[in-house]
C-alpha atoms as a PDB file:
ATOM      1  CA  MET A   1     -17.470 -10.228   9.716  1.00  0.00           C
ATOM      2  CA  ARG A   2     -18.765 -12.819   7.280  1.00  0.00           C
ATOM      3  CA  HIS A   3     -16.813 -12.916   4.027  1.00  0.00           C
ATOM      4  CA  LEU A   4     -17.510 -16.092   1.972  1.00  0.00           C
ATOM      5  CA  GLY A   5     -15.112 -18.129   4.077  1.00  0.00           C
ATOM      6  CA  PHE A   6     -12.286 -15.622   4.068  1.00  0.00           C
ATOM      7  CA  VAL A   7     -11.547 -12.617   6.217  1.00  0.00           C
ATOM      8  CA  LEU A   8     -10.626  -9.272   4.782  1.00  0.00           C
ATOM      9  CA  LEU A   9      -7.918  -7.476   6.700  1.00  0.00           C
ATOM     10  CA  GLY A  10      -6.514  -4.042   6.086  1.00  0.00           C
ATOM     11  CA  MET A  11      -3.138  -2.422   6.438  1.00  0.00           C
ATOM     12  CA  VAL A  12      -1.937   0.584   8.386  1.00  0.00           C
ATOM     13  CA  ALA A  13       0.066   2.691   5.972  1.00  0.00           C
ATOM     14  CA  ALA A  14       1.090   6.285   6.316  1.00  0.00           C
ATOM     15  CA  SER A  15       1.560   6.383   2.565  1.00  0.00           C
ATOM     16  CA  ALA A  16      -2.037   5.347   1.816  1.00  0.00           C
ATOM     17  CA  VAL A  17      -3.726   7.393  -0.911  1.00  0.00           C
ATOM     18  CA  ILE A  18      -6.565   9.733   0.097  1.00  0.00           C
ATOM     19  CA  GLY A  19      -9.798   7.988   1.007  1.00  0.00           C
ATOM     20  CA  CYS A  20      -9.710   4.502   2.489  1.00  0.00           C
ATOM     21  CA  ALA A  21      -9.102   3.947   6.140  1.00  0.00           C
ATOM     22  CA  VAL A  22      -6.708   1.044   6.577  1.00  0.00           C
ATOM     23  CA  SER A  23      -5.611  -1.495   9.188  1.00  0.00           C
ATOM     24  CA  SER A  24      -2.973  -4.663   9.242  1.00  0.00           C
ATOM     25  CA  ALA A  25      -1.511  -6.484   6.207  1.00  0.00           C
ATOM     26  CA  MET A  26      -2.183  -9.865   4.746  1.00  0.00           C
ATOM     27  CA  PRO A  27      -0.862 -11.372   1.505  1.00  0.00           C
ATOM     28  CA  THR A  28      -3.353 -11.827  -1.304  1.00  0.00           C
ATOM     29  CA  PRO A  29      -4.018 -15.581  -1.524  1.00  0.00           C
ATOM     30  CA  GLY A  30      -3.065 -16.947  -4.951  1.00  0.00           C
ATOM     31  CA  GLY A  31      -3.050 -15.096  -8.227  1.00  0.00           C
ATOM     32  CA  SER A  32      -6.397 -13.917  -9.533  1.00  0.00           C
ATOM     33  CA  LYS A  33      -7.414 -14.619 -13.092  1.00  0.00           C
ATOM     34  CA  VAL A  34     -10.328 -12.206 -12.939  1.00  0.00           C
ATOM     35  CA  GLY A  35     -10.227  -9.644 -15.736  1.00  0.00           C
ATOM     36  CA  ALA A  36     -10.252  -5.861 -15.517  1.00  0.00           C
ATOM     37  CA  ASN A  37     -12.476  -4.779 -18.420  1.00  0.00           C
ATOM     38  CA  PRO A  38     -16.111  -5.542 -17.481  1.00  0.00           C
ATOM     39  CA  GLY A  39     -18.562  -4.705 -20.237  1.00  0.00           C
ATOM     40  CA  ASN A  40     -15.641  -3.569 -22.398  1.00  0.00           C
ATOM     41  CA  VAL A  41     -15.645  -0.447 -20.238  1.00  0.00           C
ATOM     42  CA  VAL A  42     -12.192   0.573 -21.454  1.00  0.00           C
ATOM     43  CA  GLN A  43     -13.579   1.121 -24.961  1.00  0.00           C
ATOM     44  CA  ALA A  44     -17.282   1.734 -24.358  1.00  0.00           C
ATOM     45  CA  THR A  45     -18.954   5.027 -23.576  1.00  0.00           C
ATOM     46  CA  PRO A  46     -20.280   5.084 -19.989  1.00  0.00           C
ATOM     47  CA  GLY A  47     -23.854   4.279 -20.994  1.00  0.00           C
ATOM     48  CA  HIS A  48     -23.086   1.607 -23.607  1.00  0.00           C
ATOM     49  CA  LEU A  49     -21.365  -1.252 -21.822  1.00  0.00           C
ATOM     50  CA  LYS A  50     -21.345  -4.669 -23.493  1.00  0.00           C
ATOM     51  CA  PRO A  51     -20.585  -7.901 -21.600  1.00  0.00           C
ATOM     52  CA  VAL A  52     -19.174 -10.884 -23.495  1.00  0.00           C
ATOM     53  CA  GLY A  53     -21.639 -13.455 -24.834  1.00  0.00           C
ATOM     54  CA  LYS A  54     -24.186 -14.425 -22.185  1.00  0.00           C
ATOM     55  CA  HIS A  55     -22.354 -12.675 -19.381  1.00  0.00           C
ATOM     56  CA  GLN A  56     -24.207 -10.019 -17.422  1.00  0.00           C
ATOM     57  CA  LEU A  57     -23.278  -6.817 -15.598  1.00  0.00           C
ATOM     58  CA  ALA A  58     -23.838  -5.752 -12.006  1.00  0.00           C
ATOM     59  CA  SER A  59     -22.806  -2.618 -10.160  1.00  0.00           C
ATOM     60  CA  PHE A  60     -22.526  -1.857  -6.444  1.00  0.00           C
ATOM     61  CA  SER A  61     -21.373   0.938  -4.149  1.00  0.00           C
ATOM     62  CA  GLY A  62     -20.425  -0.127  -0.640  1.00  0.00           C
ATOM     63  CA  GLY A  63     -17.877   2.338   0.686  1.00  0.00           C
ATOM     64  CA  CYS A  64     -14.234   2.482  -0.370  1.00  0.00           C
ATOM     65  CA  PHE A  65     -14.069   0.773  -3.742  1.00  0.00           C
ATOM     66  CA  TRP A  66     -10.667  -0.834  -3.071  1.00  0.00           C
ATOM     67  CA  GLY A  67     -12.135  -3.255  -0.540  1.00  0.00           C
ATOM     68  CA  THR A  68     -15.446  -3.721  -2.335  1.00  0.00           C
ATOM     69  CA  GLU A  69     -13.730  -4.686  -5.582  1.00  0.00           C
ATOM     70  CA  ASP A  70     -11.394  -7.059  -3.769  1.00  0.00           C
ATOM     71  CA  VAL A  71     -14.361  -8.897  -2.236  1.00  0.00           C
ATOM     72  CA  PHE A  72     -16.082  -9.450  -5.575  1.00  0.00           C
ATOM     73  CA  ARG A  73     -12.866 -10.575  -7.277  1.00  0.00           C
ATOM     74  CA  GLN A  74     -12.856 -13.573  -4.930  1.00  0.00           C
ATOM     75  CA  VAL A  75     -16.309 -14.753  -6.044  1.00  0.00           C
ATOM     76  CA  PRO A  76     -16.321 -17.714  -8.485  1.00  0.00           C
ATOM     77  CA  GLY A  77     -18.225 -16.714 -11.614  1.00  0.00           C
ATOM     78  CA  VAL A  78     -17.119 -13.078 -11.541  1.00  0.00           C
ATOM     79  CA  VAL A  79     -15.073 -12.681 -14.711  1.00  0.00           C
ATOM     80  CA  ALA A  80     -14.038  -9.009 -14.592  1.00  0.00           C
ATOM     81  CA  THR A  81     -14.252  -5.955 -12.336  1.00  0.00           C
ATOM     82  CA  ALA A  82     -13.324  -2.284 -12.452  1.00  0.00           C
ATOM     83  CA  VAL A  83     -13.766   0.629 -10.071  1.00  0.00           C
ATOM     84  CA  GLY A  84     -15.182   4.013 -10.923  1.00  0.00           C
ATOM     85  CA  TYR A  85     -17.776   6.631 -10.177  1.00  0.00           C
ATOM     86  CA  SER A  86     -21.571   6.517 -10.610  1.00  0.00           C
ATOM     87  CA  GLY A  87     -24.563   8.687  -9.801  1.00  0.00           C
ATOM     88  CA  GLY A  88     -23.034  12.138 -10.087  1.00  0.00           C
ATOM     89  CA  ILE A  89     -23.799  15.357 -11.906  1.00  0.00           C
ATOM     90  CA  ILE A  90     -20.657  15.800 -14.018  1.00  0.00           C
ATOM     91  CA  ALA A  91     -18.904  13.643 -16.609  1.00  0.00           C
ATOM     92  CA  ASN A  92     -15.453  12.124 -16.119  1.00  0.00           C
ATOM     93  CA  PRO A  93     -14.873  13.279 -12.544  1.00  0.00           C
ATOM     94  CA  SER A  94     -11.456  12.987 -10.938  1.00  0.00           C
ATOM     95  CA  TYR A  95     -10.949  11.266  -7.590  1.00  0.00           C
ATOM     96  CA  GLU A  96     -10.229  14.630  -6.014  1.00  0.00           C
ATOM     97  CA  GLN A  97     -13.525  16.026  -7.333  1.00  0.00           C
ATOM     98  CA  VAL A  98     -15.459  13.016  -6.063  1.00  0.00           C
ATOM     99  CA  CYS A  99     -13.807  13.307  -2.636  1.00  0.00           C
ATOM    100  CA  SER A 100     -14.908  16.941  -2.445  1.00  0.00           C
ATOM    101  CA  HIS A 101     -18.472  15.600  -1.997  1.00  0.00           C
ATOM    102  CA  THR A 102     -19.785  18.121  -4.520  1.00  0.00           C
ATOM    103  CA  THR A 103     -20.268  15.928  -7.606  1.00  0.00           C
ATOM    104  CA  GLY A 104     -22.738  13.402  -6.181  1.00  0.00           C
ATOM    105  CA  HIS A 105     -20.757  10.370  -7.349  1.00  0.00           C
ATOM    106  CA  ALA A 106     -20.439   7.163  -5.364  1.00  0.00           C
ATOM    107  CA  GLU A 107     -17.335   4.977  -5.406  1.00  0.00           C
ATOM    108  CA  THR A 108     -18.608   2.046  -7.446  1.00  0.00           C
ATOM    109  CA  VAL A 109     -17.545  -1.404  -8.593  1.00  0.00           C
ATOM    110  CA  LEU A 110     -18.638  -2.583 -12.047  1.00  0.00           C
ATOM    111  CA  ILE A 111     -18.817  -6.369 -12.372  1.00  0.00           C
ATOM    112  CA  GLU A 112     -19.132  -8.714 -15.326  1.00  0.00           C
ATOM    113  CA  PHE A 113     -20.283 -12.180 -14.277  1.00  0.00           C
ATOM    114  CA  ASP A 114     -21.205 -15.532 -15.769  1.00  0.00           C
ATOM    115  CA  PRO A 115     -24.801 -16.284 -14.636  1.00  0.00           C
ATOM    116  CA  SER A 116     -24.247 -20.005 -15.202  1.00  0.00           C
ATOM    117  CA  LYS A 117     -21.708 -19.912 -12.355  1.00  0.00           C
ATOM    118  CA  VAL A 118     -22.996 -17.194 -10.026  1.00  0.00           C
ATOM    119  CA  THR A 119     -26.439 -15.638  -9.863  1.00  0.00           C
ATOM    120  CA  TYR A 120     -27.311 -11.982  -9.387  1.00  0.00           C
ATOM    121  CA  LYS A 121     -29.014 -12.983  -6.133  1.00  0.00           C
ATOM    122  CA  GLN A 122     -25.737 -14.450  -4.890  1.00  0.00           C
ATOM    123  CA  LEU A 123     -23.904 -11.233  -5.807  1.00  0.00           C
ATOM    124  CA  LEU A 124     -26.511  -9.286  -3.845  1.00  0.00           C
ATOM    125  CA  ASN A 125     -25.824 -11.499  -0.840  1.00  0.00           C
ATOM    126  CA  VAL A 126     -22.091 -10.791  -1.142  1.00  0.00           C
ATOM    127  CA  PHE A 127     -22.879  -7.080  -1.279  1.00  0.00           C
ATOM    128  CA  TRP A 128     -25.027  -7.147   1.872  1.00  0.00           C
ATOM    129  CA  GLU A 129     -22.603  -9.265   3.860  1.00  0.00           C
ATOM    130  CA  ASN A 130     -19.546  -7.164   3.138  1.00  0.00           C
ATOM    131  CA  HIS A 131     -20.553  -3.650   4.129  1.00  0.00           C
ATOM    132  CA  ASP A 132     -22.863  -1.831   6.540  1.00  0.00           C
ATOM    133  CA  PRO A 133     -26.039  -0.839   4.644  1.00  0.00           C
ATOM    134  CA  THR A 134     -27.470   1.010   7.659  1.00  0.00           C
ATOM    135  CA  THR A 135     -25.182   4.049   7.754  1.00  0.00           C
ATOM    136  CA  VAL A 136     -25.935   7.141   5.657  1.00  0.00           C
ATOM    137  CA  ASP A 137     -22.976   8.314   3.549  1.00  0.00           C
ATOM    138  CA  ARG A 138     -20.542   6.395   5.697  1.00  0.00           C
ATOM    139  CA  GLN A 139     -18.589   3.151   6.005  1.00  0.00           C
ATOM    140  CA  GLY A 140     -16.649   3.029   9.258  1.00  0.00           C
ATOM    141  CA  PRO A 141     -14.243   5.971   9.386  1.00  0.00           C
ATOM    142  CA  ASP A 142     -14.899   6.907   5.737  1.00  0.00           C
ATOM    143  CA  VAL A 143     -17.507   9.672   5.637  1.00  0.00           C
ATOM    144  CA  GLY A 144     -19.085  11.395   2.639  1.00  0.00           C
ATOM    145  CA  SER A 145     -21.652  10.856  -0.096  1.00  0.00           C
ATOM    146  CA  ASN A 146     -19.064   9.005  -2.195  1.00  0.00           C
ATOM    147  CA  TYR A 147     -19.114   6.216   0.417  1.00  0.00           C
ATOM    148  CA  ARG A 148     -22.878   5.684   0.299  1.00  0.00           C
ATOM    149  CA  SER A 149     -24.489   2.291  -0.137  1.00  0.00           C
ATOM    150  CA  ALA A 150     -26.132   1.794  -3.537  1.00  0.00           C
ATOM    151  CA  ILE A 151     -27.171  -0.872  -6.028  1.00  0.00           C
ATOM    152  CA  TRP A 152     -27.151   0.170  -9.695  1.00  0.00           C
ATOM    153  CA  CYS A 153     -29.473  -2.090 -11.714  1.00  0.00           C
ATOM    154  CA  PHE A 154     -29.123  -2.786 -15.424  1.00  0.00           C
ATOM    155  CA  ASP A 155     -32.664  -3.998 -16.110  1.00  0.00           C
ATOM    156  CA  ALA A 156     -36.116  -4.438 -14.593  1.00  0.00           C
ATOM    157  CA  GLU A 157     -35.318  -7.932 -13.337  1.00  0.00           C
ATOM    158  CA  GLN A 158     -32.310  -6.682 -11.393  1.00  0.00           C
ATOM    159  CA  LEU A 159     -34.432  -3.894  -9.897  1.00  0.00           C
ATOM    160  CA  LYS A 160     -37.000  -6.447  -8.787  1.00  0.00           C
ATOM    161  CA  GLU A 161     -34.384  -8.787  -7.311  1.00  0.00           C
ATOM    162  CA  ALA A 162     -32.541  -5.966  -5.564  1.00  0.00           C
ATOM    163  CA  ARG A 163     -35.714  -4.634  -3.918  1.00  0.00           C
ATOM    164  CA  LEU A 164     -36.759  -8.109  -2.786  1.00  0.00           C
ATOM    165  CA  SER A 165     -33.267  -8.779  -1.490  1.00  0.00           C
ATOM    166  CA  LEU A 166     -33.333  -5.538   0.521  1.00  0.00           C
ATOM    167  CA  GLN A 167     -36.660  -6.529   2.087  1.00  0.00           C
ATOM    168  CA  GLN A 168     -35.256  -9.918   3.055  1.00  0.00           C
ATOM    169  CA  GLN A 169     -32.086  -8.379   4.434  1.00  0.00           C
ATOM    170  CA  GLN A 170     -34.037  -5.834   6.477  1.00  0.00           C
ATOM    171  CA  LYS A 171     -35.717  -8.666   8.380  1.00  0.00           C
ATOM    172  CA  LYS A 172     -32.283  -9.691   9.674  1.00  0.00           C
ATOM    173  CA  LEU A 173     -31.280  -6.233  10.874  1.00  0.00           C
ATOM    174  CA  THR A 174     -32.399  -3.958  13.686  1.00  0.00           C
ATOM    175  CA  HIS A 175     -31.394  -0.709  12.035  1.00  0.00           C
ATOM    176  CA  HIS A 176     -33.003   0.679   8.897  1.00  0.00           C
ATOM    177  CA  ILE A 177     -31.245  -0.091   5.603  1.00  0.00           C
ATOM    178  CA  VAL A 178     -30.424   3.128   3.728  1.00  0.00           C
ATOM    179  CA  THR A 179     -29.118   1.537   0.525  1.00  0.00           C
ATOM    180  CA  GLN A 180     -30.233   3.292  -2.651  1.00  0.00           C
ATOM    181  CA  ILE A 181     -31.577   1.078  -5.449  1.00  0.00           C
ATOM    182  CA  GLN A 182     -31.552   2.793  -8.827  1.00  0.00           C
ATOM    183  CA  THR A 183     -31.288   2.180 -12.540  1.00  0.00           C
ATOM    184  CA  ALA A 184     -27.626   2.039 -13.556  1.00  0.00           C
ATOM    185  CA  GLN A 185     -26.095   5.458 -14.165  1.00  0.00           C
ATOM    186  CA  PRO A 186     -23.106   6.278 -16.400  1.00  0.00           C
ATOM    187  CA  PHE A 187     -20.006   4.610 -14.969  1.00  0.00           C
ATOM    188  CA  TYR A 188     -16.791   6.601 -15.234  1.00  0.00           C
ATOM    189  CA  LEU A 189     -13.587   4.642 -14.777  1.00  0.00           C
ATOM    190  CA  ALA A 190     -11.457   5.691 -11.834  1.00  0.00           C
ATOM    191  CA  GLU A 191      -7.775   6.478 -12.273  1.00  0.00           C
ATOM    192  CA  ASP A 192      -5.471   3.548 -13.073  1.00  0.00           C
ATOM    193  CA  TYR A 193      -3.882   3.438  -9.627  1.00  0.00           C
ATOM    194  CA  HIS A 194      -7.279   2.621  -8.085  1.00  0.00           C
ATOM    195  CA  GLN A 195      -7.917  -0.391 -10.335  1.00  0.00           C
ATOM    196  CA  GLN A 196      -7.476  -3.733  -8.530  1.00  0.00           C
ATOM    197  CA  TYR A 197      -5.598  -1.816  -5.842  1.00  0.00           C
ATOM    198  CA  ASP A 198      -5.521  -4.607  -3.265  1.00  0.00           C
ATOM    199  CA  GLU A 199      -4.455  -7.195  -5.812  1.00  0.00           C
ATOM    200  CA  LYS A 200      -1.605  -5.059  -7.104  1.00  0.00           C
ATOM    201  CA  HIS A 201      -0.258  -4.380  -3.617  1.00  0.00           C
ATOM    202  CA  GLY A 202      -0.815  -7.824  -2.102  1.00  0.00           C
ATOM    203  CA  THR A 203      -2.888  -6.435   0.746  1.00  0.00           C
ATOM    204  CA  HIS A 204      -6.527  -6.119   1.783  1.00  0.00           C
ATOM    205  CA  PHE A 205      -7.688  -2.584   2.459  1.00  0.00           C
ATOM    206  CA  CYS A 206     -10.832  -1.066   3.919  1.00  0.00           C
ATOM    207  CA  PRO A 207     -12.224  -3.767   6.244  1.00  0.00           C
ATOM    208  CA  ILE A 208     -15.987  -3.577   5.901  1.00  0.00           C
ATOM    209  CA  GLY A 209     -18.204  -4.363   8.875  1.00  0.00           C
ATOM    210  CA  HIS A 210     -21.740  -5.698   8.620  1.00  0.00           C
ATOM    211  CA  GLY A 211     -24.625  -3.713  10.078  1.00  0.00           C
ATOM    212  CA  SER A 212     -27.008  -4.942  12.756  1.00  0.00           C
END
């Protein structure tokens, strides 16, 4: 797996909460200063997020959101992240509802980033390299529509970059990329215990393999 110079490991834990498959433990390197309120999501309504100053927002679904969030929190220029649910048919779903595969939501990471330090294109590259975009509604042992691969774009430029990035990525892979690219949908915050889960517990969950 290629992970920006670091390797994500998981942890086998009988007490793991529903959802993520897990494997062996590794301490979280250093303390993160990345925030937890991208786009002022704690106060904003789902469709009215506001990044600080010239910061921008990005949103990705790449399987279990514990591991996906942890990956992006290691990227210089990412200033805040939160996990939640996007793309479904009901408002304010619970984790249990999402895991029932009846609401249509995907486990999603919302990111606020400083474009003077990291570009959207670079975030797209992180996204591609840290999950398998060739499996429908599945990442490894995690199966269901909530684990689908998706890019949620906040403007026309992001849509254009995401589509171009997918075309470039497809040239590297044998199997067909199934990632959905859509305009950003309302983002509903997940329960508190899901937020920055790996960071809070000093472990790296949900190892994410790259497709071929």
